[in-house]
Protein backbone atom coordinates (compact mmCIF):
# COMPACT_ATOMS: atom_id res chain seq x y z
CA MET A 1 19.42 10.01 9.78
CA ALA A 2 16.06 8.22 9.69
CA ASN A 3 13.49 9.16 7.12
CA ALA A 4 10.18 9.75 8.89
CA ASP A 5 8.09 9.63 5.74
CA PRO A 6 8.50 6.25 3.97
CA ALA A 7 7.33 7.75 0.66
CA ALA A 8 9.38 10.95 0.84
CA HIS A 9 11.82 9.58 -1.73
CA VAL A 10 9.22 9.28 -4.47
CA ARG A 11 9.12 11.79 -7.30
CA ARG A 12 6.69 11.90 -10.18
CA ARG A 13 7.90 13.11 -13.54
CA GLU A 14 6.09 16.10 -14.96
CA GLN A 15 4.03 14.90 -17.89
CA THR A 16 4.64 16.84 -21.10
CA LYS A 17 1.45 17.36 -23.05
CA GLY A 18 1.16 14.97 -25.97
CA ARG A 19 3.65 12.36 -24.68
CA ASP A 20 2.89 8.71 -25.21
CA LEU A 21 2.81 7.53 -21.59
CA SER A 22 2.86 3.80 -22.31
CA TYR A 23 6.00 1.79 -21.59
CA PRO A 24 7.64 0.31 -24.71
CA PRO A 25 7.72 -3.47 -25.24
CA LEU A 26 10.59 -5.60 -24.05
CA PRO A 27 13.52 -5.63 -26.49
CA GLU A 28 15.28 -8.75 -27.67
CA PRO A 29 17.43 -9.97 -24.76
CA LEU A 30 21.17 -9.45 -24.86
CA VAL A 31 23.31 -12.56 -25.08
CA VAL A 32 25.97 -11.00 -22.84
CA GLY A 33 24.66 -9.02 -19.88
CA VAL A 34 25.44 -5.39 -19.04
CA TYR A 35 24.75 -2.91 -16.24
CA ASP A 36 22.75 0.31 -16.26
CA ASN A 37 25.20 2.58 -14.47
CA HIS A 38 22.76 5.47 -13.91
CA THR A 39 19.02 5.26 -13.31
CA HIS A 40 16.33 6.88 -11.15
CA LEU A 41 13.88 4.23 -10.02
CA GLU A 42 12.42 6.64 -7.47
CA ILE A 43 10.89 8.74 -10.26
CA ALA A 44 7.47 7.48 -11.30
CA ASP A 45 6.48 7.93 -14.94
CA GLY A 46 3.95 6.62 -17.39
CA GLU A 47 0.23 6.02 -17.33
CA ASN A 48 0.77 2.93 -15.16
CA SER A 49 3.75 3.50 -12.89
CA ILE A 50 6.05 0.53 -12.29
CA ASP A 51 7.41 -0.48 -8.90
CA PHE A 52 11.21 -0.64 -8.71
CA ARG A 53 11.09 -4.42 -8.28
CA GLU A 54 9.20 -4.84 -11.55
CA HIS A 55 11.68 -2.51 -13.26
CA LEU A 56 14.49 -4.79 -12.10
CA ASP A 57 12.62 -7.94 -13.08
CA ARG A 58 12.08 -6.61 -16.60
CA ALA A 59 15.72 -5.56 -16.80
CA SER A 60 16.91 -8.99 -15.71
CA SER A 61 14.76 -10.64 -18.37
CA VAL A 62 16.60 -8.83 -21.20
CA GLY A 63 20.17 -9.13 -19.91
CA VAL A 64 20.55 -6.01 -17.77
CA ARG A 65 22.24 -7.55 -14.77
CA GLY A 66 22.09 -4.65 -12.32
CA VAL A 67 21.70 -0.91 -11.90
CA ILE A 68 23.25 2.02 -10.10
CA GLN A 69 20.33 3.76 -8.40
CA VAL A 70 21.19 7.46 -8.20
CA GLY A 71 20.04 9.95 -5.58
CA GLY A 72 19.66 13.67 -6.20
CA ASP A 73 18.64 15.08 -2.82
CA LEU A 74 18.60 13.85 0.76
CA GLU A 75 15.37 11.87 0.51
CA THR A 76 16.27 10.04 -2.70
CA SER A 77 19.84 9.44 -1.54
CA ARG A 78 18.60 7.91 1.71
CA TRP A 79 16.20 5.68 -0.18
CA SER A 80 18.86 4.64 -2.69
CA ALA A 81 21.32 3.69 0.06
CA GLU A 82 18.67 1.84 2.07
CA THR A 83 17.14 -0.06 -0.85
CA ALA A 84 20.52 -1.18 -2.17
CA LEU A 85 21.11 -2.88 1.18
CA HIS A 86 18.24 -5.28 0.42
CA GLU A 87 18.26 -5.56 -3.38
CA PRO A 88 21.07 -7.63 -4.98
CA ARG A 89 20.50 -6.08 -8.41
CA MET A 90 21.02 -2.54 -7.12
CA LEU A 91 23.98 -0.48 -5.97
CA ALA A 92 23.61 3.14 -4.89
CA ALA A 93 24.99 6.59 -5.60
CA VAL A 94 24.26 9.49 -3.25
CA ALA A 95 24.49 13.25 -3.76
CA ILE A 96 22.79 16.61 -3.87
CA HIS A 97 22.04 17.32 -7.53
CA PRO A 98 23.50 20.64 -8.75
CA ASN A 99 20.05 22.00 -9.52
CA GLU A 100 18.99 21.29 -5.93
CA THR A 101 21.96 22.98 -4.27
CA PRO A 102 20.72 26.60 -4.56
CA ALA A 103 17.55 25.75 -2.62
CA TYR A 104 19.52 24.05 0.14
CA ASP A 105 21.90 27.01 0.19
CA ALA A 106 19.08 29.56 0.38
CA ALA A 107 17.58 27.63 3.31
CA GLY A 108 20.94 27.59 5.08
CA THR A 109 21.04 23.77 5.07
CA LEU A 110 23.54 22.98 2.30
CA ASP A 111 26.43 22.23 4.68
CA ASP A 112 24.23 19.92 6.76
CA ALA A 113 23.01 18.17 3.60
CA ILE A 114 26.56 17.63 2.36
CA ALA A 115 27.51 16.25 5.78
CA GLU A 116 24.69 13.71 5.53
CA ILE A 117 25.80 12.72 2.01
CA ASP A 118 29.24 12.14 3.51
CA GLU A 119 27.69 9.79 6.07
CA LEU A 120 25.58 7.97 3.47
CA ALA A 121 28.69 7.50 1.33
CA SER A 122 30.19 5.31 4.05
CA ARG A 123 27.36 2.77 3.96
CA PRO A 124 27.55 -0.71 2.43
CA ARG A 125 26.60 -1.01 -1.26
CA VAL A 126 26.97 2.76 -1.81
CA VAL A 127 29.55 2.77 -4.58
CA ALA A 128 29.44 6.29 -6.00
CA VAL A 129 28.95 9.94 -5.15
CA GLY A 130 26.57 11.41 -7.66
CA GLU A 131 25.04 12.88 -9.40
CA THR A 132 26.96 16.05 -8.73
CA GLY A 133 28.50 18.68 -10.96
CA LEU A 134 27.43 21.90 -12.66
CA ASP A 135 24.28 22.78 -14.59
CA PHE A 136 24.14 26.20 -16.22
CA PHE A 137 21.03 25.33 -18.23
CA ARG A 138 18.46 25.20 -15.42
CA THR A 139 20.29 27.23 -12.77
CA GLY A 140 21.17 30.85 -13.47
CA PRO A 141 24.24 32.83 -12.38
CA GLU A 142 22.77 33.46 -8.92
CA GLY A 143 23.01 29.76 -8.10
CA ARG A 144 26.45 29.00 -9.46
CA ALA A 145 28.45 29.73 -6.32
CA ALA A 146 26.40 27.12 -4.44
CA GLN A 147 26.86 24.63 -7.28
CA TYR A 148 30.63 25.07 -7.25
CA ARG A 149 30.82 24.73 -3.47
CA SER A 150 28.69 21.59 -3.50
CA PHE A 151 30.55 20.05 -6.44
CA GLU A 152 33.93 20.50 -4.80
CA ALA A 153 32.63 19.07 -1.52
CA HIS A 154 31.24 16.01 -3.34
CA ILE A 155 34.57 15.48 -5.08
CA GLU A 156 36.29 15.41 -1.70
CA ILE A 157 33.69 12.97 -0.31
CA ALA A 158 34.29 10.61 -3.23
CA LYS A 159 38.05 10.72 -2.68
CA ARG A 160 37.76 10.31 1.09
CA HIS A 161 35.62 7.19 0.76
CA ASN A 162 37.41 5.90 -2.36
CA LEU A 163 34.18 5.91 -4.37
CA ALA A 164 33.47 6.66 -8.00
CA LEU A 165 32.22 10.14 -8.87
CA GLN A 166 29.21 10.51 -11.18
CA ILE A 167 29.13 13.91 -12.85
CA HIS A 168 26.11 15.84 -14.08
CA ASP A 169 27.37 18.32 -16.70
CA ARG A 170 24.93 20.48 -18.62
CA ASP A 171 26.06 23.56 -20.54
CA ALA A 172 29.17 23.60 -18.33
CA HIS A 173 31.75 21.37 -20.02
CA ALA A 174 34.73 23.73 -19.65
CA GLU A 175 33.86 24.65 -16.08
CA VAL A 176 33.42 21.03 -14.96
CA ILE A 177 36.72 20.00 -16.51
CA ALA A 178 38.52 23.00 -15.01
CA THR A 179 37.15 22.16 -11.57
CA LEU A 180 38.26 18.54 -11.80
CA LEU A 181 41.74 19.55 -12.88
CA ARG A 182 42.00 22.24 -10.22
CA VAL A 183 40.92 20.22 -7.18
CA GLY A 184 41.92 16.78 -8.47
CA ALA A 185 39.46 14.23 -9.77
CA PRO A 186 38.78 10.95 -7.96
CA GLU A 187 40.54 7.91 -9.37
CA ARG A 188 37.26 6.74 -10.95
CA THR A 189 35.35 9.63 -12.49
CA VAL A 190 32.29 9.11 -14.69
CA PHE A 191 30.66 11.65 -16.99
CA HIS A 192 27.05 10.54 -16.66
CA CYS A 193 25.04 10.99 -19.85
CA PHE A 194 28.12 12.18 -21.69
CA SER A 195 27.12 15.13 -23.86
CA GLY A 196 30.43 16.44 -25.18
CA ASP A 197 32.03 16.30 -28.59
CA ALA A 198 35.07 14.44 -29.88
CA GLU A 199 37.47 17.00 -28.41
CA MET A 200 35.93 16.58 -24.96
CA ALA A 201 36.16 12.80 -25.38
CA ARG A 202 39.88 13.23 -26.02
CA ILE A 203 40.24 15.27 -22.80
CA CYS A 204 38.42 12.56 -20.86
CA THR A 205 40.68 9.95 -22.44
CA GLU A 206 43.82 11.84 -21.44
CA ASN A 207 42.62 11.91 -17.84
CA GLY A 208 41.23 8.37 -17.71
CA TRP A 209 37.65 9.54 -17.10
CA TYR A 210 34.79 7.23 -18.02
CA MET A 211 32.18 8.34 -20.55
CA SER A 212 28.70 6.95 -20.02
CA PHE A 213 26.39 7.03 -23.04
CA ALA A 214 22.61 7.21 -22.70
CA GLY A 215 19.69 7.06 -25.12
CA THR A 216 20.76 10.40 -26.58
CA VAL A 217 23.40 8.60 -28.63
CA THR A 218 20.56 7.04 -30.65
CA PHE A 219 18.95 10.38 -31.56
CA LYS A 220 19.24 11.38 -35.22
CA SER A 221 20.48 14.86 -34.26
CA ALA A 222 23.33 13.52 -32.09
CA GLY A 223 26.09 13.40 -34.70
CA ASP A 224 28.64 15.09 -32.42
CA LEU A 225 27.90 12.59 -29.70
CA ARG A 226 28.47 9.64 -32.02
CA GLU A 227 31.75 11.21 -33.13
CA ALA A 228 32.75 11.35 -29.45
CA LEU A 229 31.79 7.69 -29.06
CA ALA A 230 33.98 6.79 -32.02
CA VAL A 231 37.12 8.36 -30.50
CA ALA A 232 36.55 7.18 -26.92
CA PRO A 233 38.65 4.15 -25.94
CA ARG A 234 36.56 1.03 -25.40
CA GLN A 235 37.98 0.64 -21.87
CA LEU A 236 36.42 3.98 -20.84
CA LEU A 237 32.89 3.32 -22.17
CA LEU A 238 29.86 2.85 -19.94
CA ALA A 239 26.15 2.71 -20.74
CA GLU A 240 23.09 3.98 -18.92
CA THR A 241 19.42 4.84 -19.27
CA ASP A 242 19.03 7.89 -16.96
CA ALA A 243 15.50 6.47 -16.71
CA PRO A 244 12.80 7.65 -16.82
CA PHE A 245 14.39 10.27 -19.08
CA LEU A 246 16.16 10.08 -22.47
CA THR A 247 14.36 7.05 -23.88
CA PRO A 248 16.31 5.68 -26.86
CA GLU A 249 15.01 5.44 -30.39
CA PRO A 250 12.67 4.11 -31.65
CA PHE A 251 10.70 5.02 -28.50
CA ARG A 252 11.95 8.54 -27.84
CA GLY A 253 9.54 10.49 -25.65
CA ARG A 254 7.95 7.49 -23.97
CA PRO A 255 8.82 6.43 -20.40
CA ASN A 256 12.32 5.02 -20.07
CA ALA A 257 13.43 2.12 -17.89
CA PRO A 258 16.54 -0.04 -17.36
CA TYR A 259 15.06 -2.82 -19.54
CA LEU A 260 15.42 -0.52 -22.56
CA LEU A 261 19.22 -0.31 -22.27
CA PRO A 262 19.71 -2.95 -25.02
CA HIS A 263 18.46 -0.42 -27.60
CA THR A 264 21.25 2.00 -26.65
CA LEU A 265 23.87 -0.73 -26.53
CA ARG A 266 22.91 -2.03 -29.98
CA ALA A 267 23.03 1.50 -31.42
CA MET A 268 26.49 2.00 -29.93
CA ALA A 269 27.72 -1.31 -31.38
CA ALA A 270 26.31 -0.48 -34.80
CA HIS A 271 28.06 2.89 -34.86
CA LEU A 272 31.34 1.32 -33.70
CA GLU A 273 30.90 -1.50 -36.24
CA THR A 274 31.50 -4.10 -33.58
CA ASP A 275 29.69 -7.14 -32.27
CA VAL A 276 27.04 -6.36 -29.66
CA SER A 277 28.20 -9.15 -27.34
CA LEU A 278 31.82 -8.02 -27.51
CA LEU A 279 30.80 -4.47 -26.63
CA ALA A 280 28.52 -5.70 -23.84
CA ALA A 281 31.36 -7.74 -22.33
CA GLN A 282 33.69 -4.73 -22.45
CA ILE A 283 31.14 -2.39 -20.88
CA ALA A 284 30.24 -4.91 -18.17
CA SER A 285 33.91 -5.24 -17.29
CA ASN A 286 34.36 -1.45 -17.30
CA THR A 287 31.36 -1.02 -15.03
CA GLU A 288 32.70 -3.48 -12.47
CA LEU A 289 36.09 -1.76 -12.56
CA ALA A 290 34.41 1.59 -11.91
CA TYR A 291 32.08 0.48 -9.11
CA GLY A 292 32.97 -3.02 -8.02
CA ARG A 293 30.93 -6.21 -8.33
CA TRP A 294 27.25 -6.24 -7.45
CA ASP A 295 27.89 -9.19 -5.12
CA ALA A 296 30.96 -7.70 -3.44
CA GLU A 297 28.95 -6.85 -0.32
CA PRO A 298 26.07 -9.01 0.91
CA VAL A 299 22.47 -7.85 0.96
CA THR A 300 20.29 -8.14 4.03
CA ALA A 301 16.72 -9.38 4.24
CA PRO A 302 14.27 -6.77 2.95
CA HIS A 303 11.57 -5.42 5.19
CA ASP A 304 8.65 -3.25 4.17
CA LEU A 305 10.25 -1.29 1.37
CA PRO A 306 7.92 1.44 0.08
CA ARG A 307 6.55 1.16 -3.43
CA GLY A 308 7.63 3.70 -6.03
CA ASP A 309 4.27 4.34 -7.67
CA ALA A 310 3.01 7.63 -6.28
CA GLY A 311 4.33 10.90 -4.99
CA PRO A 312 4.99 14.57 -5.55
CA VAL A 313 5.85 16.02 -8.93
CA GLY A 314 9.55 16.39 -9.61
CA GLY A 315 12.60 14.92 -11.29
CA LEU A 316 16.34 15.40 -11.53
CA ALA A 317 17.35 14.82 -15.14
């Protein structure tokens, strides 16, 4: 389905009063490159918003070799799938975010939206269905039936197209796990921004589910999360930014971007008492096993891709 408005994909993050809106400086480059397996380059943030191309240029300069650009509604999923066709450093994930599903359901358009996600999932360089799942923090009981229906439909889309599944799980650990076990998880299932404890990490390990760690693992209050990291097998670890959200220490609260992933990776390596380059090599390998290689399908010549520096207020953390 064509997108009539070329800027409809753009979201602007709501600015919390008192935030430092300047982008942090570039970190020391990694010796061994990694991938950011979950980012939102369609969400503008900061006092001087950065175009997605500049985000990717900055990322490349510090050893972040590529990103998974993640959609959360129809507009952002269309843009993610289209832009990945032309950008060799980007692969795409498409989905209706769980917090968006009640609105689609109330409008009577959820089934049509899911059908379009199914179509987008068949396109070249779309390598994942996500982010989908359950969120009981932002959506109350009245929206849960729609979330469950959408989540199960996305699981089936991922299995039908043999794609990875990227899960959004907030205040719904037991329910997400129960759903995956009941309907059957895709072969490659990723808990985006893993937020569970060591026991949940053990459940993921038993089922071969990937755990993707974001900037939250660097937060001083995240002891349970670091305990989960310690028990997770290295072959199931992934890393992400969830940019522009969840900026790692020492820049927590400022705009996040893929080029800041080295801070998270170095914090993970320090906690695991391992060499940063060894961990980077493992995570890069894991990421390619989960999604495939960034050069597995060719890109086509870009046309007039819209800039990502203005738009309506929103965001899909």
